[in-house]
N, C-alpha and C. Protein backbone atom coordinates (compact mmCIF):
# COMPACT_ATOMS: atom_id res chain seq x y z
N MET A 1 0.25 -0.93 -0.36
CA MET A 1 0.44 0.14 0.39
C MET A 1 1.12 1.56 -0.21
N GLY A 2 2.04 0.96 0.00
CA GLY A 2 3.08 2.38 0.26
C GLY A 2 3.11 3.44 -1.73
N ARG A 3 2.34 2.40 -2.47
CA ARG A 3 2.18 3.65 -3.56
C ARG A 3 0.99 4.51 -3.08
N TYR A 4 0.00 4.39 -2.70
CA TYR A 4 -0.77 5.87 -2.16
C TYR A 4 0.04 6.90 -1.10
N MET A 5 1.32 7.10 -0.76
CA MET A 5 2.05 8.43 -0.24
C MET A 5 1.06 9.18 -0.26
N SER A 6 0.66 10.31 0.83
CA SER A 6 0.39 11.88 0.27
C SER A 6 0.63 12.21 2.14
N VAL A 7 0.58 13.99 1.88
CA VAL A 7 0.69 14.43 3.30
C VAL A 7 -0.77 14.62 3.53
N ARG A 8 -1.62 15.09 2.89
CA ARG A 8 -2.04 15.98 2.99
C ARG A 8 -3.78 15.06 2.42
N LYS A 9 -4.22 14.71 3.40
CA LYS A 9 -6.17 14.46 2.62
C LYS A 9 -6.96 15.78 2.73
N THR A 10 -7.22 15.27 0.91
CA THR A 10 -7.98 16.84 1.23
C THR A 10 -9.87 16.72 0.61
N THR A 11 -10.18 15.04 -0.09
CA THR A 11 -12.07 15.32 -0.08
C THR A 11 -12.04 15.08 1.31
N ALA A 12 -14.05 14.87 1.54
CA ALA A 12 -14.56 14.13 2.59
C ALA A 12 -15.33 13.31 2.14
N ILE A 13 -15.99 12.50 2.31
CA ILE A 13 -16.88 12.05 2.10
C ILE A 13 -17.68 11.91 3.57
N ASN A 14 -19.21 11.90 3.19
CA ASN A 14 -20.75 11.73 4.24
C ASN A 14 -21.04 10.29 3.92
N LEU A 15 -21.30 9.55 4.89
CA LEU A 15 -21.65 8.51 4.73
C LEU A 15 -22.99 7.83 5.83
N ARG A 16 -23.17 7.36 5.75
CA ARG A 16 -24.14 6.66 6.11
C ARG A 16 -24.36 4.83 6.36
N MET A 17 -24.46 4.45 7.73
CA MET A 17 -24.93 3.18 7.72
C MET A 17 -25.46 2.79 9.00
N SER A 18 -25.38 1.74 9.01
CA SER A 18 -26.57 1.00 10.11
C SER A 18 -25.99 1.14 11.05
N LYS A 19 -25.97 0.85 12.49
CA LYS A 19 -25.88 1.97 14.18
C LYS A 19 -24.44 0.11 14.01
N ASP A 20 -24.54 -1.04 13.45
CA ASP A 20 -24.13 -1.76 13.71
C ASP A 20 -22.91 -2.01 13.65
N VAL A 21 -23.22 -1.28 12.06
CA VAL A 21 -22.19 -1.43 10.98
C VAL A 21 -20.55 -0.39 11.38
N LYS A 22 -21.92 0.97 12.48
CA LYS A 22 -21.34 1.32 12.62
C LYS A 22 -20.07 1.98 13.64
N GLU A 23 -20.65 0.31 14.82
CA GLU A 23 -20.35 -0.62 15.68
C GLU A 23 -19.03 -1.51 15.78
N LEU A 24 -19.52 -1.41 14.56
CA LEU A 24 -18.08 -2.75 14.28
C LEU A 24 -17.29 -2.12 13.91
N LEU A 25 -17.19 -0.86 12.57
CA LEU A 25 -16.17 -0.20 12.58
C LEU A 25 -15.44 0.64 13.56
N ARG A 26 -16.10 0.97 15.15
CA ARG A 26 -15.28 1.59 15.68
C ARG A 26 -14.89 0.31 16.68
N LEU A 27 -15.02 -0.94 16.41
CA LEU A 27 -15.10 -1.82 17.71
C LEU A 27 -12.92 -2.29 16.70
N ALA A 28 -13.41 -2.53 15.74
CA ALA A 28 -12.79 -3.12 14.12
C ALA A 28 -11.27 -1.62 14.16
N ALA A 29 -11.98 0.01 14.93
CA ALA A 29 -10.53 1.13 13.73
C ALA A 29 -9.65 1.15 15.71
N ALA A 30 -11.21 1.27 17.62
CA ALA A 30 -10.26 0.97 18.32
C ALA A 30 -8.57 -0.67 18.24
N GLN A 31 -9.08 -1.11 17.88
CA GLN A 31 -8.23 -2.39 18.09
C GLN A 31 -7.49 -2.85 16.73
N GLU A 32 -7.39 -2.26 15.62
CA GLU A 32 -5.87 -1.52 15.65
C GLU A 32 -5.21 -0.56 15.68
N HIS A 33 -6.22 0.22 17.03
CA HIS A 33 -5.48 1.79 16.96
C HIS A 33 -5.65 2.87 15.87
N ARG A 34 -6.91 2.80 15.34
CA ARG A 34 -6.37 3.87 14.04
C ARG A 34 -7.69 4.39 14.92
N THR A 35 -8.18 5.23 13.61
CA THR A 35 -9.32 6.61 13.52
C THR A 35 -10.35 5.72 12.71
N LEU A 36 -11.54 5.70 13.00
CA LEU A 36 -12.60 5.00 11.95
C LEU A 36 -12.87 5.93 10.49
N SER A 37 -12.71 7.12 10.06
CA SER A 37 -11.63 7.28 9.13
C SER A 37 -10.26 6.76 8.27
N ASN A 38 -10.02 6.21 9.42
CA ASN A 38 -8.36 5.29 8.76
C ASN A 38 -8.79 4.10 7.94
N MET A 39 -8.92 3.43 9.66
CA MET A 39 -9.57 1.87 9.09
C MET A 39 -10.45 1.94 8.14
N LEU A 40 -11.61 2.74 7.44
CA LEU A 40 -12.45 3.00 6.99
C LEU A 40 -11.62 2.54 4.86
N GLU A 41 -10.45 3.71 4.99
CA GLU A 41 -9.87 3.77 4.21
C GLU A 41 -8.88 2.63 4.35
N TYR A 42 -8.20 2.14 5.47
CA TYR A 42 -7.62 0.77 5.41
C TYR A 42 -8.31 -0.01 4.47
N LEU A 43 -9.65 0.00 5.41
CA LEU A 43 -10.40 -1.25 4.34
C LEU A 43 -10.92 -1.86 3.47
N VAL A 44 -10.84 -0.13 2.53
CA VAL A 44 -11.32 -0.47 1.47
C VAL A 44 -10.49 -0.09 0.61
N LEU A 45 -8.97 0.63 1.06
CA LEU A 45 -7.46 -0.29 0.28
C LEU A 45 -7.11 -1.79 -0.02
N GLN A 46 -7.95 -1.76 1.51
CA GLN A 46 -7.11 -3.52 0.91
C GLN A 46 -7.99 -4.35 0.31
N HIS A 47 -10.29 -3.95 0.26
CA HIS A 47 -9.92 -4.81 -1.15
C HIS A 47 -9.85 -5.03 -2.10
N CYS A 48 -9.39 -2.95 -2.14
CA CYS A 48 -9.37 -3.47 -3.94
C CYS A 48 -7.93 -3.29 -4.26
N GLU A 49 -6.67 -3.62 -2.78
CA GLU A 49 -5.46 -4.62 -3.34
C GLU A 49 -5.49 -6.58 -3.37
N LEU A 50 -6.62 -6.60 -3.34
CA LEU A 50 -7.45 -8.12 -3.20
C LEU A 50 -7.81 -8.42 -4.15
N HIS A 51 -8.66 -7.58 -4.81
CA HIS A 51 -9.93 -7.93 -5.72
C HIS A 51 -8.70 -6.56 -7.18
N GLY A 52 -7.47 -6.19 -6.80
CA GLY A 52 -6.68 -5.95 -8.27
C GLY A 52 -6.78 -4.60 -8.61
N LEU A 53 -7.28 -3.70 -8.41
CA LEU A 53 -8.09 -2.24 -8.68
C LEU A 53 -6.88 -1.50 -8.32
N ARG A 54 -6.87 -0.78 -9.13
CA ARG A 54 -5.63 0.20 -8.92
C ARG A 54 -6.48 1.61 -9.57
N LEU A 55 -5.71 3.20 -9.04
CA LEU A 55 -5.70 4.29 -9.55
C LEU A 55 -4.74 4.37 -11.09
N PRO A 56 -4.75 4.93 -12.10
CA PRO A 56 -3.85 4.65 -12.89
C PRO A 56 -3.61 6.40 -12.34
N ALA A 57 -1.99 6.36 -12.21
CA ALA A 57 -1.17 6.37 -12.14
C ALA A 57 -0.84 8.01 -11.66
N ALA A 58 -0.58 9.71 -12.84
CA ALA A 58 -1.85 10.73 -11.88
C ALA A 58 -3.61 11.10 -11.80
N GLU A 59 -3.51 9.42 -11.19
CA GLU A 59 -4.91 9.77 -10.76
C GLU A 59 -4.87 9.67 -8.46
N HIS A 60 -3.70 8.90 -8.42
CA HIS A 60 -3.27 9.01 -6.70
C HIS A 60 -2.75 9.56 -6.05
N THR A 61 -2.33 10.95 -6.62
CA THR A 61 -1.47 11.20 -6.77
C THR A 61 -1.20 12.06 -4.88
N ASN A 62 -3.17 12.29 -4.80
CA ASN A 62 -3.40 12.87 -3.11
C ASN A 62 -3.87 12.34 -2.52
N THR A 63 -3.72 10.58 -2.58
CA THR A 63 -4.17 9.61 -1.19
C THR A 63 -3.25 9.77 -0.84
N ALA A 64 -3.64 9.31 0.72
CA ALA A 64 -2.58 9.27 2.00
C ALA A 64 -3.20 7.43 1.84
N THR A 65 -2.21 7.18 2.89
CA THR A 65 -1.56 5.29 2.42
C THR A 65 -1.93 5.18 4.42
N ALA A 66 -3.34 4.16 4.41
CA ALA A 66 -4.28 3.71 5.66
C ALA A 66 -2.85 3.58 6.40
N ASP A 67 -1.85 2.66 6.35
CA ASP A 67 -0.86 1.97 6.74
C ASP A 67 -0.42 4.06 8.01
N ARG A 68 -0.49 4.66 7.41
CA ARG A 68 0.14 6.31 8.69
C ARG A 68 -1.34 6.58 9.24
N GLY A 69 -2.56 6.33 9.31
CA GLY A 69 -3.17 6.93 10.59
C GLY A 69 -2.90 5.98 11.84
N ARG A 70 -1.71 5.68 12.14
CA ARG A 70 -2.65 4.06 12.90
C ARG A 70 -2.54 5.41 14.01
N VAL A 71 -3.59 4.88 15.64
CA VAL A 71 -3.43 5.88 16.32
C VAL A 71 -1.78 5.70 17.27
N GLU A 72 -1.38 6.56 18.26
CA GLU A 72 -0.33 5.86 19.62
C GLU A 72 -1.00 5.81 20.00
N GLU A 73 -0.21 4.79 21.28
CA GLU A 73 -0.66 4.42 22.19
C GLU A 73 -0.64 5.43 23.57
């Protein structure tokens, strides 16, 4: 996932999900010492890597790596 390295995140997204899914996301994020946003980003990037989905090189210049978002204890 190192190919998605950048310093700034510039795009916001507004999501709706069930309370149960949000709680599962919160639990997963806490277990991995990540924020909710970073956990969601990590999961999307893992899914894309697993299924061979990639952006053309010019399109992913502002995408941050999910591995950088871990919250230190």
